[in-house]
Amino acid sequence: MNRNMTVLQKILCLILIVLAIVLTIEAKKDAKKNTKKEKECGEWMYEACQLTNKTASCGVGKQVAHRNGTCKKLTKEVSCKIKCPKPPSKKCKYGNAIISADSQCNPTTNTIPAVKNLLSGGPACQQSISINKKCKVAKAKDKSKKNKKVNKENVKKDAKESKAKVDKSIKRSKEDKSHDKKHSKANKKLEEKMKHQGGKKLVPMKIDIPNKSISSVQ
């Protein structure tokens, strides 16, 4: 019995030790959580930028920031910069030319009046300037050139047709001449045959060869 009691006591002691360790760990975790919750930090509030060069109105400087809360760091200093204004441009810069609806293109000078407004520049620049912009007057289409072209084409066409008719008539005349030659050769042969027959009168053979009339050239 004594042995059993000693074993049980040992086991209980071990259990108590483990529980004590666990409780201490949990207590530390809760303490850390509480400390984190207690540290509440506010937003940074920045002061005006203090230039390094006190006589200058722009450039590089330092800026101090503050915040409320339970944080470790409640103030800090950061670098800052004040932009210097650009010097006014001496050049006068104007926008695109604006043409009014009433303005018309001058056919002699090929120009039209227009106005340009000031975009940037010094006080010496004018607010608007008048200029003459180049333009073109719409010309009416010349129909005489077109008519000349048509007439040339008609003349070429007529000359081509007349040449074709002349060539056709020449061809027909050549064919008629060849037929006449054939007809005369046939008559000569008949005369020679009559001479060889010994005085017998033979009626000359009639050879019908179609005669083609030469058409007049138009």
N, C-alpha and C. Protein backbone atom coordinates (compact mmCIF):
# COMPACT_ATOMS: atom_id res chain seq x y z
N MET A 1 0.84 -1.22 0.00
CA MET A 1 0.00 0.00 0.00
C MET A 1 0.86 1.25 0.00
N ASN A 2 1.90 1.25 0.79
CA ASN A 2 2.78 2.42 0.86
C ASN A 2 3.42 2.73 -0.50
N ARG A 3 3.79 1.62 -1.20
CA ARG A 3 4.40 1.81 -2.52
C ARG A 3 3.41 2.45 -3.47
N ASN A 4 2.19 1.94 -3.46
CA ASN A 4 1.16 2.47 -4.36
C ASN A 4 0.90 3.95 -4.06
N MET A 5 0.90 4.29 -2.77
CA MET A 5 0.67 5.67 -2.39
C MET A 5 1.80 6.58 -2.88
N THR A 6 2.99 6.12 -2.78
CA THR A 6 4.15 6.92 -3.23
C THR A 6 4.10 7.14 -4.74
N VAL A 7 3.69 6.13 -5.49
CA VAL A 7 3.58 6.27 -6.99
C VAL A 7 2.52 7.27 -7.33
N LEU A 8 1.38 7.18 -6.64
CA LEU A 8 0.28 8.12 -6.91
C LEU A 8 0.68 9.55 -6.56
N GLN A 9 1.40 9.71 -5.51
CA GLN A 9 1.85 11.03 -5.10
C GLN A 9 2.79 11.65 -6.15
N LYS A 10 3.67 10.77 -6.65
CA LYS A 10 4.60 11.23 -7.68
C LYS A 10 3.85 11.70 -8.94
N ILE A 11 2.84 10.90 -9.31
CA ILE A 11 2.07 11.23 -10.52
C ILE A 11 1.32 12.54 -10.33
N LEU A 12 0.73 12.70 -9.15
CA LEU A 12 0.00 13.94 -8.86
C LEU A 12 0.93 15.15 -8.86
N CYS A 13 2.11 14.94 -8.31
CA CYS A 13 3.10 16.03 -8.30
C CYS A 13 3.47 16.44 -9.73
N LEU A 14 3.68 15.45 -10.59
CA LEU A 14 4.02 15.75 -11.99
C LEU A 14 2.90 16.52 -12.69
N ILE A 15 1.65 16.06 -12.41
CA ILE A 15 0.48 16.74 -13.03
C ILE A 15 0.40 18.17 -12.57
N LEU A 16 0.62 18.39 -11.28
CA LEU A 16 0.57 19.75 -10.74
C LEU A 16 1.66 20.65 -11.34
N ILE A 17 2.82 20.05 -11.51
CA ILE A 17 3.95 20.81 -12.11
C ILE A 17 3.61 21.24 -13.53
N VAL A 18 3.05 20.29 -14.32
CA VAL A 18 2.69 20.58 -15.73
C VAL A 18 1.64 21.66 -15.78
N LEU A 19 0.63 21.58 -14.89
CA LEU A 19 -0.43 22.59 -14.87
C LEU A 19 0.13 23.96 -14.51
N ALA A 20 1.06 23.97 -13.57
CA ALA A 20 1.67 25.24 -13.16
C ALA A 20 2.42 25.87 -14.33
N ILE A 21 3.15 25.04 -15.09
CA ILE A 21 3.90 25.55 -16.26
C ILE A 21 2.96 26.13 -17.30
N VAL A 22 1.88 25.38 -17.58
CA VAL A 22 0.90 25.83 -18.59
C VAL A 22 0.27 27.14 -18.17
N LEU A 23 -0.08 27.25 -16.90
CA LEU A 23 -0.73 28.47 -16.40
C LEU A 23 0.21 29.68 -16.49
N THR A 24 1.45 29.45 -16.18
CA THR A 24 2.42 30.56 -16.27
C THR A 24 2.60 31.03 -17.72
N ILE A 25 2.63 30.07 -18.65
CA ILE A 25 2.76 30.43 -20.10
C ILE A 25 1.56 31.24 -20.55
N GLU A 26 0.38 30.80 -20.19
CA GLU A 26 -0.85 31.50 -20.59
C GLU A 26 -0.89 32.89 -19.98
N ALA A 27 -0.43 32.99 -18.73
CA ALA A 27 -0.42 34.29 -18.05
C ALA A 27 0.50 35.27 -18.78
N LYS A 28 1.66 34.79 -19.25
CA LYS A 28 2.59 35.64 -19.99
C LYS A 28 1.97 36.13 -21.31
N LYS A 29 1.25 35.20 -21.98
CA LYS A 29 0.61 35.56 -23.25
C LYS A 29 -0.43 36.65 -23.04
N ASP A 30 -1.23 36.50 -21.99
CA ASP A 30 -2.26 37.49 -21.69
C ASP A 30 -1.64 38.84 -21.34
N ALA A 31 -0.52 38.79 -20.64
CA ALA A 31 0.17 40.04 -20.27
C ALA A 31 0.67 40.76 -21.52
N LYS A 32 1.22 40.01 -22.48
CA LYS A 32 1.69 40.62 -23.74
C LYS A 32 0.55 41.24 -24.51
N LYS A 33 -0.58 40.53 -24.56
CA LYS A 33 -1.75 41.05 -25.27
C LYS A 33 -2.23 42.35 -24.63
N ASN A 34 -2.25 42.37 -23.34
CA ASN A 34 -2.70 43.58 -22.62
C ASN A 34 -1.78 44.77 -22.87
N THR A 35 -0.47 44.49 -22.90
CA THR A 35 0.49 45.58 -23.14
C THR A 35 0.33 46.12 -24.57
N LYS A 36 0.06 45.24 -25.55
CA LYS A 36 -0.14 45.67 -26.94
C LYS A 36 -1.39 46.53 -27.06
N LYS A 37 -2.44 46.12 -26.37
CA LYS A 37 -3.69 46.88 -26.41
C LYS A 37 -3.52 48.26 -25.79
N GLU A 38 -2.71 48.31 -24.76
CA GLU A 38 -2.51 49.59 -24.08
C GLU A 38 -1.77 50.60 -24.96
N LYS A 39 -0.86 50.12 -25.91
CA LYS A 39 -0.10 51.00 -26.78
C LYS A 39 -0.98 51.44 -27.95
N GLU A 40 -1.61 52.57 -27.82
CA GLU A 40 -2.42 53.14 -28.89
C GLU A 40 -1.72 54.38 -29.42
N CYS A 41 -1.44 54.37 -30.77
CA CYS A 41 -0.70 55.46 -31.40
C CYS A 41 -1.63 56.30 -32.26
N GLY A 42 -1.53 57.62 -32.13
CA GLY A 42 -2.32 58.53 -32.96
C GLY A 42 -1.64 58.82 -34.29
N GLU A 43 -2.28 59.64 -35.12
CA GLU A 43 -1.74 59.99 -36.44
C GLU A 43 -0.70 61.10 -36.30
N TRP A 44 0.25 61.09 -37.23
CA TRP A 44 1.31 62.11 -37.22
C TRP A 44 0.75 63.46 -37.66
N MET A 45 1.10 64.50 -36.92
CA MET A 45 0.73 65.87 -37.24
C MET A 45 2.00 66.65 -37.56
N TYR A 46 2.09 67.13 -38.84
CA TYR A 46 3.32 67.75 -39.32
C TYR A 46 3.27 69.28 -39.16
N GLU A 47 4.40 69.84 -38.72
CA GLU A 47 4.53 71.29 -38.63
C GLU A 47 4.98 71.84 -39.99
N ALA A 48 5.06 73.16 -40.07
CA ALA A 48 5.49 73.79 -41.32
C ALA A 48 6.95 73.47 -41.60
N CYS A 49 7.28 73.45 -42.89
CA CYS A 49 8.64 73.12 -43.33
C CYS A 49 9.56 74.30 -43.01
N GLN A 50 10.63 74.03 -42.26
CA GLN A 50 11.62 75.04 -41.89
C GLN A 50 12.82 74.91 -42.83
N LEU A 51 13.02 75.94 -43.66
CA LEU A 51 14.09 75.90 -44.65
C LEU A 51 15.45 75.95 -43.99
N THR A 52 16.40 75.23 -44.60
CA THR A 52 17.77 75.24 -44.10
C THR A 52 18.39 76.63 -44.26
N ASN A 53 18.15 77.21 -45.46
CA ASN A 53 18.60 78.57 -45.72
C ASN A 53 17.49 79.53 -45.27
N LYS A 54 17.72 80.23 -44.19
CA LYS A 54 16.68 81.07 -43.60
C LYS A 54 16.29 82.25 -44.49
N THR A 55 17.25 82.73 -45.29
CA THR A 55 16.97 83.89 -46.16
C THR A 55 16.19 83.52 -47.42
N ALA A 56 16.20 82.23 -47.78
CA ALA A 56 15.53 81.80 -49.02
C ALA A 56 14.03 81.64 -48.80
N SER A 57 13.29 81.71 -49.88
CA SER A 57 11.82 81.52 -49.83
C SER A 57 11.41 80.14 -50.33
N CYS A 58 12.35 79.39 -50.87
CA CYS A 58 12.05 78.03 -51.36
C CYS A 58 13.33 77.21 -51.30
N GLY A 59 13.15 75.88 -51.34
CA GLY A 59 14.30 74.99 -51.30
C GLY A 59 14.08 73.84 -50.34
N VAL A 60 15.20 73.28 -49.79
CA VAL A 60 15.18 72.09 -48.92
C VAL A 60 15.19 72.54 -47.46
N GLY A 61 14.49 71.74 -46.59
CA GLY A 61 14.45 72.06 -45.16
C GLY A 61 14.09 70.85 -44.32
N LYS A 62 13.73 71.10 -43.05
CA LYS A 62 13.34 70.04 -42.11
C LYS A 62 11.93 70.30 -41.59
N GLN A 63 11.24 69.21 -41.26
CA GLN A 63 9.86 69.29 -40.80
C GLN A 63 9.68 68.37 -39.59
N VAL A 64 9.12 68.93 -38.50
CA VAL A 64 8.91 68.16 -37.26
C VAL A 64 7.46 67.65 -37.24
N ALA A 65 7.31 66.37 -36.78
CA ALA A 65 5.99 65.75 -36.70
C ALA A 65 5.75 65.25 -35.28
N HIS A 66 4.50 65.37 -34.80
CA HIS A 66 4.10 64.93 -33.45
C HIS A 66 2.89 63.99 -33.57
N ARG A 67 2.75 63.12 -32.53
CA ARG A 67 1.53 62.30 -32.44
C ARG A 67 1.24 61.97 -30.99
N ASN A 68 -0.01 61.70 -30.72
CA ASN A 68 -0.47 61.36 -29.35
C ASN A 68 -0.60 59.85 -29.21
N GLY A 69 -0.54 59.35 -27.96
CA GLY A 69 -0.71 57.93 -27.71
C GLY A 69 0.32 57.41 -26.72
N THR A 70 0.35 56.10 -26.61
CA THR A 70 1.26 55.43 -25.67
C THR A 70 2.44 54.80 -26.39
N CYS A 71 2.70 55.21 -27.63
CA CYS A 71 3.83 54.66 -28.40
C CYS A 71 5.15 55.18 -27.84
N LYS A 72 6.22 54.46 -28.18
CA LYS A 72 7.54 54.87 -27.73
C LYS A 72 7.97 56.16 -28.43
N LYS A 73 7.71 56.23 -29.78
CA LYS A 73 8.16 57.39 -30.56
C LYS A 73 6.97 58.30 -30.83
N LEU A 74 7.00 59.47 -30.21
CA LEU A 74 5.90 60.43 -30.38
C LEU A 74 6.28 61.64 -31.22
N THR A 75 7.57 61.83 -31.50
CA THR A 75 8.04 62.94 -32.34
C THR A 75 9.08 62.41 -33.32
N LYS A 76 9.15 63.04 -34.51
CA LYS A 76 10.17 62.70 -35.49
C LYS A 76 10.44 63.91 -36.38
N GLU A 77 11.58 63.88 -37.04
CA GLU A 77 11.97 64.96 -37.92
C GLU A 77 12.26 64.38 -39.32
N VAL A 78 11.63 64.97 -40.32
CA VAL A 78 11.79 64.48 -41.70
C VAL A 78 12.22 65.64 -42.59
N SER A 79 12.81 65.29 -43.74
CA SER A 79 13.22 66.32 -44.70
C SER A 79 12.01 66.76 -45.53
N CYS A 80 12.03 68.00 -45.96
CA CYS A 80 10.92 68.55 -46.75
C CYS A 80 11.48 69.49 -47.82
N LYS A 81 10.60 69.90 -48.76
CA LYS A 81 11.03 70.77 -49.85
C LYS A 81 9.89 71.70 -50.25
N ILE A 82 10.21 72.97 -50.38
CA ILE A 82 9.25 73.96 -50.88
C ILE A 82 9.61 74.27 -52.33
N LYS A 83 8.68 74.03 -53.25
CA LYS A 83 8.96 74.24 -54.67
C LYS A 83 9.10 75.73 -54.97
N CYS A 84 10.10 76.03 -55.79
CA CYS A 84 10.31 77.42 -56.21
C CYS A 84 9.43 77.72 -57.43
N PRO A 85 8.79 78.87 -57.50
CA PRO A 85 7.95 79.20 -58.65
C PRO A 85 8.78 79.39 -59.91
N LYS A 86 8.22 78.95 -61.04
CA LYS A 86 8.92 79.08 -62.32
C LYS A 86 8.95 80.55 -62.74
N PRO A 87 10.09 81.00 -63.26
CA PRO A 87 10.16 82.39 -63.73
C PRO A 87 9.27 82.58 -64.95
N PRO A 88 8.62 83.73 -65.09
CA PRO A 88 7.75 83.95 -66.25
C PRO A 88 8.52 83.92 -67.55
N SER A 89 7.96 83.23 -68.54
CA SER A 89 8.61 83.10 -69.84
C SER A 89 8.58 84.42 -70.60
N LYS A 90 9.72 84.75 -71.20
CA LYS A 90 9.79 85.96 -72.00
C LYS A 90 9.13 85.78 -73.36
N LYS A 91 9.10 84.54 -73.85
CA LYS A 91 8.52 84.26 -75.15
C LYS A 91 7.00 84.26 -75.06
N CYS A 92 6.37 84.80 -76.09
CA CYS A 92 4.90 84.80 -76.18
C CYS A 92 4.45 83.57 -76.96
N LYS A 93 3.67 82.73 -76.33
CA LYS A 93 3.19 81.51 -76.97
C LYS A 93 1.70 81.64 -77.24
N TYR A 94 1.33 81.49 -78.51
CA TYR A 94 -0.07 81.64 -78.93
C TYR A 94 -0.63 80.30 -79.40
N GLY A 95 -1.95 80.19 -79.34
CA GLY A 95 -2.64 78.96 -79.75
C GLY A 95 -2.84 78.90 -81.25
N ASN A 96 -3.65 77.94 -81.68
CA ASN A 96 -3.93 77.76 -83.10
C ASN A 96 -4.77 78.91 -83.65
N ALA A 97 -4.63 79.14 -84.94
CA ALA A 97 -5.37 80.22 -85.60
C ALA A 97 -6.86 79.92 -85.62
N ILE A 98 -7.66 80.94 -85.28
CA ILE A 98 -9.13 80.80 -85.27
C ILE A 98 -9.69 81.65 -86.41
N ILE A 99 -10.42 80.99 -87.31
CA ILE A 99 -11.01 81.68 -88.47
C ILE A 99 -12.50 81.86 -88.21
N SER A 100 -12.97 83.08 -88.36
CA SER A 100 -14.40 83.35 -88.13
C SER A 100 -15.22 82.83 -89.30
N ALA A 101 -16.50 82.62 -89.05
CA ALA A 101 -17.39 82.07 -90.08
C ALA A 101 -17.61 83.05 -91.22
N ASP A 102 -17.51 84.36 -90.96
CA ASP A 102 -17.75 85.38 -92.00
C ASP A 102 -16.54 85.59 -92.91
N SER A 103 -15.36 85.14 -92.48
CA SER A 103 -14.14 85.37 -93.27
C SER A 103 -14.17 84.56 -94.56
N GLN A 104 -13.61 85.16 -95.63
CA GLN A 104 -13.55 84.50 -96.93
C GLN A 104 -12.13 84.58 -97.47
N CYS A 105 -11.79 83.61 -98.30
CA CYS A 105 -10.45 83.54 -98.88
C CYS A 105 -10.31 84.59 -99.98
N ASN A 106 -9.23 85.36 -99.92
CA ASN A 106 -8.95 86.39 -100.93
C ASN A 106 -8.32 85.72 -102.14
N PRO A 107 -8.97 85.78 -103.34
CA PRO A 107 -8.42 85.05 -104.50
C PRO A 107 -7.13 85.64 -105.05
N THR A 108 -6.90 86.94 -104.80
CA THR A 108 -5.68 87.58 -105.33
C THR A 108 -4.45 87.22 -104.50
N THR A 109 -4.60 87.23 -103.16
CA THR A 109 -3.46 86.92 -102.26
C THR A 109 -3.46 85.49 -101.73
N ASN A 110 -4.58 84.78 -101.94
CA ASN A 110 -4.74 83.41 -101.40
C ASN A 110 -4.51 83.36 -99.89
N THR A 111 -5.09 84.36 -99.18
CA THR A 111 -5.00 84.40 -97.72
C THR A 111 -6.37 84.68 -97.11
N ILE A 112 -6.51 84.32 -95.82
CA ILE A 112 -7.76 84.55 -95.09
C ILE A 112 -7.41 85.07 -93.69
N PRO A 113 -8.12 86.12 -93.20
CA PRO A 113 -7.78 86.66 -91.87
C PRO A 113 -8.14 85.69 -90.75
N ALA A 114 -7.25 85.61 -89.72
CA ALA A 114 -7.46 84.72 -88.57
C ALA A 114 -6.90 85.39 -87.31
N VAL A 115 -7.26 84.85 -86.14
CA VAL A 115 -6.85 85.40 -84.84
C VAL A 115 -6.22 84.30 -84.00
N LYS A 116 -5.11 84.64 -83.28
CA LYS A 116 -4.46 83.71 -82.35
C LYS A 116 -4.50 84.30 -80.94
N ASN A 117 -4.95 83.48 -79.96
CA ASN A 117 -5.04 83.93 -78.56
C ASN A 117 -3.79 83.51 -77.79
N LEU A 118 -3.41 84.34 -76.78
CA LEU A 118 -2.21 84.11 -75.97
C LEU A 118 -2.40 82.92 -75.03
N LEU A 119 -1.42 82.01 -75.03
CA LEU A 119 -1.43 80.87 -74.11
C LEU A 119 -0.53 81.12 -72.91
N SER A 120 0.69 81.60 -73.15
CA SER A 120 1.63 81.89 -72.06
C SER A 120 2.61 82.95 -72.52
N GLY A 121 3.15 83.70 -71.54
CA GLY A 121 4.11 84.74 -71.87
C GLY A 121 4.11 85.84 -70.82
N GLY A 122 5.01 86.78 -70.99
CA GLY A 122 5.15 87.88 -70.05
C GLY A 122 4.09 88.94 -70.21
N PRO A 123 4.14 89.99 -69.37
CA PRO A 123 3.15 91.05 -69.45
C PRO A 123 3.25 91.87 -70.74
N ALA A 124 4.40 91.80 -71.41
CA ALA A 124 4.57 92.55 -72.66
C ALA A 124 3.83 91.90 -73.83
N CYS A 125 3.39 90.65 -73.66
CA CYS A 125 2.72 89.93 -74.76
C CYS A 125 1.29 90.43 -74.94
N GLN A 126 0.87 90.50 -76.19
CA GLN A 126 -0.51 90.88 -76.50
C GLN A 126 -1.44 89.69 -76.24
N GLN A 127 -2.67 89.99 -75.85
CA GLN A 127 -3.63 88.94 -75.54
C GLN A 127 -4.07 88.18 -76.79
N SER A 128 -4.07 88.86 -77.93
CA SER A 128 -4.45 88.21 -79.20
C SER A 128 -3.76 88.95 -80.34
N ILE A 129 -3.45 88.22 -81.40
CA ILE A 129 -2.82 88.82 -82.58
C ILE A 129 -3.59 88.39 -83.83
N SER A 130 -3.60 89.26 -84.84
CA SER A 130 -4.27 88.97 -86.12
C SER A 130 -3.22 88.55 -87.14
N ILE A 131 -3.54 87.51 -87.88
CA ILE A 131 -2.63 87.00 -88.92
C ILE A 131 -3.41 86.73 -90.19
N ASN A 132 -2.68 86.50 -91.29
CA ASN A 132 -3.28 86.08 -92.56
C ASN A 132 -2.82 84.66 -92.85
N LYS A 133 -3.78 83.76 -92.88
CA LYS A 133 -3.48 82.34 -93.10
C LYS A 133 -3.67 82.01 -94.58
N LYS A 134 -2.81 81.11 -95.09
CA LYS A 134 -2.89 80.73 -96.49
C LYS A 134 -4.17 79.92 -96.75
N CYS A 135 -4.73 80.12 -97.94
CA CYS A 135 -5.94 79.38 -98.33
C CYS A 135 -5.98 79.25 -99.85
N LYS A 136 -6.91 78.48 -100.34
CA LYS A 136 -7.08 78.27 -101.79
C LYS A 136 -8.54 78.48 -102.16
N VAL A 137 -8.75 79.24 -103.26
CA VAL A 137 -10.11 79.48 -103.75
C VAL A 137 -10.48 78.31 -104.67
N ALA A 138 -11.65 77.76 -104.45
CA ALA A 138 -12.12 76.63 -105.27
C ALA A 138 -12.39 77.11 -106.69
N LYS A 139 -11.67 76.56 -107.67
CA LYS A 139 -11.83 76.95 -109.07
C LYS A 139 -12.88 76.08 -109.75
N ALA A 140 -13.66 76.75 -110.67
CA ALA A 140 -14.66 76.01 -111.45
C ALA A 140 -13.97 75.11 -112.46
N LYS A 141 -14.50 73.93 -112.66
CA LYS A 141 -13.90 72.97 -113.58
C LYS A 141 -14.02 73.47 -115.01
N ASP A 142 -12.91 73.41 -115.76
CA ASP A 142 -12.87 73.87 -117.15
C ASP A 142 -13.41 72.76 -118.04
N LYS A 143 -14.60 73.03 -118.67
CA LYS A 143 -15.23 72.02 -119.52
C LYS A 143 -14.61 72.00 -120.92
N SER A 144 -13.92 73.09 -121.31
CA SER A 144 -13.35 73.15 -122.66
C SER A 144 -12.29 72.07 -122.86
N LYS A 145 -11.48 71.80 -121.78
CA LYS A 145 -10.46 70.75 -121.88
C LYS A 145 -11.09 69.39 -122.11
N LYS A 146 -12.20 69.17 -121.43
CA LYS A 146 -12.90 67.89 -121.59
C LYS A 146 -13.45 67.75 -123.01
N ASN A 147 -14.01 68.86 -123.55
CA ASN A 147 -14.56 68.84 -124.92
C ASN A 147 -13.45 68.60 -125.93
N LYS A 148 -12.28 69.23 -125.72
CA LYS A 148 -11.15 69.03 -126.63
C LYS A 148 -10.73 67.56 -126.66
N LYS A 149 -10.72 66.97 -125.49
CA LYS A 149 -10.33 65.57 -125.39
C LYS A 149 -11.32 64.67 -126.15
N VAL A 150 -12.61 64.98 -126.00
CA VAL A 150 -13.65 64.20 -126.69
C VAL A 150 -13.52 64.37 -128.19
N ASN A 151 -13.26 65.62 -128.66
CA ASN A 151 -13.12 65.88 -130.10
C ASN A 151 -11.93 65.13 -130.67
N LYS A 152 -10.81 65.11 -129.93
CA LYS A 152 -9.64 64.38 -130.39
C LYS A 152 -9.93 62.89 -130.56
N GLU A 153 -10.66 62.35 -129.60
CA GLU A 153 -11.01 60.93 -129.66
C GLU A 153 -11.92 60.65 -130.85
N ASN A 154 -12.88 61.57 -131.14
CA ASN A 154 -13.79 61.39 -132.29
C ASN A 154 -13.03 61.46 -133.61
N VAL A 155 -12.06 62.40 -133.70
CA VAL A 155 -11.25 62.53 -134.93
C VAL A 155 -10.45 61.26 -135.17
N LYS A 156 -9.86 60.73 -134.10
CA LYS A 156 -9.09 59.49 -134.24
C LYS A 156 -9.97 58.33 -134.68
N LYS A 157 -11.17 58.29 -134.13
CA LYS A 157 -12.11 57.22 -134.47
C LYS A 157 -12.52 57.31 -135.94
N ASP A 158 -12.83 58.56 -136.43
CA ASP A 158 -13.23 58.77 -137.82
C ASP A 158 -12.10 58.41 -138.77
N ALA A 159 -10.87 58.80 -138.43
CA ALA A 159 -9.73 58.50 -139.29
C ALA A 159 -9.51 56.99 -139.38
N LYS A 160 -9.71 56.31 -138.26
CA LYS A 160 -9.54 54.85 -138.25
C LYS A 160 -10.59 54.17 -139.13
N GLU A 161 -11.84 54.65 -139.04
CA GLU A 161 -12.92 54.07 -139.85
C GLU A 161 -12.70 54.33 -141.34
N SER A 162 -12.28 55.58 -141.71
CA SER A 162 -12.05 55.91 -143.13
C SER A 162 -10.90 55.09 -143.71
N LYS A 163 -9.85 54.87 -142.88
CA LYS A 163 -8.73 54.06 -143.33
C LYS A 163 -9.16 52.62 -143.59
N ALA A 164 -10.03 52.11 -142.69
CA ALA A 164 -10.52 50.74 -142.86
C ALA A 164 -11.33 50.61 -144.15
N LYS A 165 -12.16 51.65 -144.48
CA LYS A 165 -12.95 51.63 -145.72
C LYS A 165 -12.07 51.67 -146.96
N VAL A 166 -11.00 52.52 -146.93
CA VAL A 166 -10.07 52.62 -148.06
C VAL A 166 -9.37 51.28 -148.29
N ASP A 167 -8.90 50.66 -147.20
CA ASP A 167 -8.23 49.36 -147.32
C ASP A 167 -9.16 48.31 -147.90
N LYS A 168 -10.43 48.36 -147.51
CA LYS A 168 -11.41 47.39 -148.02
C LYS A 168 -11.65 47.60 -149.50
N SER A 169 -11.77 48.87 -149.95
CA SER A 169 -12.00 49.16 -151.37
C SER A 169 -10.80 48.77 -152.22
N ILE A 170 -9.59 48.99 -151.69
CA ILE A 170 -8.37 48.60 -152.43
C ILE A 170 -8.32 47.09 -152.60
N LYS A 171 -8.70 46.38 -151.57
CA LYS A 171 -8.71 44.91 -151.62
C LYS A 171 -9.69 44.41 -152.67
N ARG A 172 -10.87 45.04 -152.72
CA ARG A 172 -11.87 44.65 -153.71
C ARG A 172 -11.40 44.94 -155.14
N SER A 173 -10.74 46.09 -155.34
CA SER A 173 -10.25 46.44 -156.68
C SER A 173 -9.20 45.45 -157.16
N LYS A 174 -8.32 45.02 -156.21
CA LYS A 174 -7.31 44.02 -156.57
C LYS A 174 -7.96 42.70 -156.99
N GLU A 175 -9.01 42.31 -156.26
CA GLU A 175 -9.71 41.07 -156.60
C GLU A 175 -10.35 41.16 -157.98
N ASP A 176 -10.95 42.33 -158.31
CA ASP A 176 -11.58 42.52 -159.64
C ASP A 176 -10.55 42.45 -160.76
N LYS A 177 -9.37 43.05 -160.53
CA LYS A 177 -8.31 42.99 -161.55
C LYS A 177 -7.86 41.57 -161.82
N SER A 178 -7.75 40.77 -160.74
CA SER A 178 -7.33 39.37 -160.91
C SER A 178 -8.37 38.59 -161.70
N HIS A 179 -9.68 38.89 -161.48
CA HIS A 179 -10.74 38.22 -162.26
C HIS A 179 -10.68 38.60 -163.74
N ASP A 180 -10.40 39.90 -164.03
CA ASP A 180 -10.30 40.35 -165.42
C ASP A 180 -9.14 39.67 -166.14
N LYS A 181 -8.02 39.50 -165.46
CA LYS A 181 -6.87 38.81 -166.06
C LYS A 181 -7.22 37.37 -166.42
N LYS A 182 -7.92 36.70 -165.53
CA LYS A 182 -8.33 35.31 -165.79
C LYS A 182 -9.24 35.24 -167.02
N HIS A 183 -10.15 36.21 -167.14
CA HIS A 183 -11.11 36.24 -168.26
C HIS A 183 -10.38 36.46 -169.58
N SER A 184 -9.39 37.35 -169.60
CA SER A 184 -8.64 37.63 -170.85
C SER A 184 -7.79 36.42 -171.24
N LYS A 185 -7.22 35.72 -170.31
CA LYS A 185 -6.43 34.51 -170.61
C LYS A 185 -7.31 33.43 -171.23
N ALA A 186 -8.52 33.29 -170.73
CA ALA A 186 -9.45 32.27 -171.27
C ALA A 186 -9.81 32.60 -172.72
N ASN A 187 -10.04 33.86 -173.07
CA ASN A 187 -10.36 34.26 -174.45
C ASN A 187 -9.19 34.01 -175.39
N LYS A 188 -7.97 34.27 -174.94
CA LYS A 188 -6.79 34.01 -175.78
C LYS A 188 -6.67 32.54 -176.10
N LYS A 189 -6.92 31.70 -175.12
CA LYS A 189 -6.85 30.26 -175.34
C LYS A 189 -7.86 29.81 -176.38
N LEU A 190 -9.06 30.41 -176.37
CA LEU A 190 -10.10 30.07 -177.35
C LEU A 190 -9.69 30.48 -178.76
N GLU A 191 -9.06 31.66 -178.88
CA GLU A 191 -8.63 32.12 -180.20
C GLU A 191 -7.55 31.21 -180.78
N GLU A 192 -6.61 30.80 -179.93
CA GLU A 192 -5.55 29.90 -180.39
C GLU A 192 -6.12 28.56 -180.81
N LYS A 193 -7.11 28.10 -180.11
CA LYS A 193 -7.75 26.81 -180.44
C LYS A 193 -8.46 26.87 -181.78
N MET A 194 -9.10 28.04 -182.05
CA MET A 194 -9.80 28.23 -183.33
C MET A 194 -8.81 28.22 -184.48
N LYS A 195 -7.66 28.79 -184.32
CA LYS A 195 -6.65 28.78 -185.39
C LYS A 195 -6.20 27.38 -185.70
N HIS A 196 -6.00 26.58 -184.72
CA HIS A 196 -5.55 25.19 -184.91
C HIS A 196 -6.63 24.31 -185.53
N GLN A 197 -7.90 24.66 -185.47
CA GLN A 197 -9.01 23.86 -186.00
C GLN A 197 -9.09 23.95 -187.53
N GLY A 198 -8.32 24.80 -188.13
CA GLY A 198 -8.25 24.86 -189.60
C GLY A 198 -9.37 25.68 -190.20
N GLY A 199 -9.60 26.77 -189.70
CA GLY A 199 -10.57 27.68 -190.34
C GLY A 199 -11.98 27.45 -189.90
N LYS A 200 -12.23 26.41 -189.14
CA LYS A 200 -13.59 26.20 -188.66
C LYS A 200 -13.95 27.28 -187.68
N LYS A 201 -15.14 27.73 -187.99
CA LYS A 201 -15.60 28.76 -187.10
C LYS A 201 -16.21 28.14 -185.85
N LEU A 202 -15.65 28.45 -184.80
CA LEU A 202 -16.15 27.96 -183.52
C LEU A 202 -16.69 29.12 -182.73
N VAL A 203 -17.79 28.82 -182.14
CA VAL A 203 -18.40 29.85 -181.28
C VAL A 203 -17.58 29.93 -179.99
N PRO A 204 -17.14 31.09 -179.71
CA PRO A 204 -16.32 31.20 -178.47
C PRO A 204 -17.13 30.83 -177.23
N MET A 205 -16.46 30.12 -176.39
CA MET A 205 -17.11 29.70 -175.12
C MET A 205 -17.35 30.91 -174.24
N LYS A 206 -18.49 30.86 -173.69
CA LYS A 206 -18.87 31.94 -172.78
C LYS A 206 -18.57 31.52 -171.35
N ILE A 207 -17.67 32.21 -170.77
CA ILE A 207 -17.27 31.92 -169.38
C ILE A 207 -17.86 33.01 -168.50
N ASP A 208 -18.70 32.56 -167.64
CA ASP A 208 -19.33 33.51 -166.70
C ASP A 208 -18.43 33.70 -165.49
N ILE A 209 -17.86 34.87 -165.43
CA ILE A 209 -17.03 35.25 -164.26
C ILE A 209 -17.70 36.42 -163.61
N PRO A 210 -18.09 36.29 -162.39
CA PRO A 210 -18.80 37.42 -161.71
C PRO A 210 -17.91 38.65 -161.60
N ASN A 211 -18.47 39.77 -162.10
CA ASN A 211 -17.75 41.04 -162.00
C ASN A 211 -18.14 41.76 -160.72
N LYS A 212 -17.14 42.19 -160.07
CA LYS A 212 -17.37 42.94 -158.82
C LYS A 212 -17.08 44.40 -159.07
N SER A 213 -18.05 45.20 -158.81
CA SER A 213 -17.89 46.65 -159.00
C SER A 213 -17.08 47.25 -157.87
N ILE A 214 -16.28 48.20 -158.22
CA ILE A 214 -15.46 48.88 -157.22
C ILE A 214 -16.29 49.93 -156.55
N SER A 215 -16.42 49.79 -155.29
CA SER A 215 -17.22 50.75 -154.52
C SER A 215 -16.42 52.02 -154.32
N SER A 216 -17.13 53.11 -154.38
CA SER A 216 -16.48 54.42 -154.21
C SER A 216 -16.11 54.60 -152.75
N VAL A 217 -14.98 55.24 -152.58
CA VAL A 217 -14.48 55.49 -151.22
C VAL A 217 -15.21 56.68 -150.68
N GLN A 218 -15.82 56.48 -149.48
CA GLN A 218 -16.51 57.58 -148.83
C GLN A 218 -15.53 58.43 -148.09
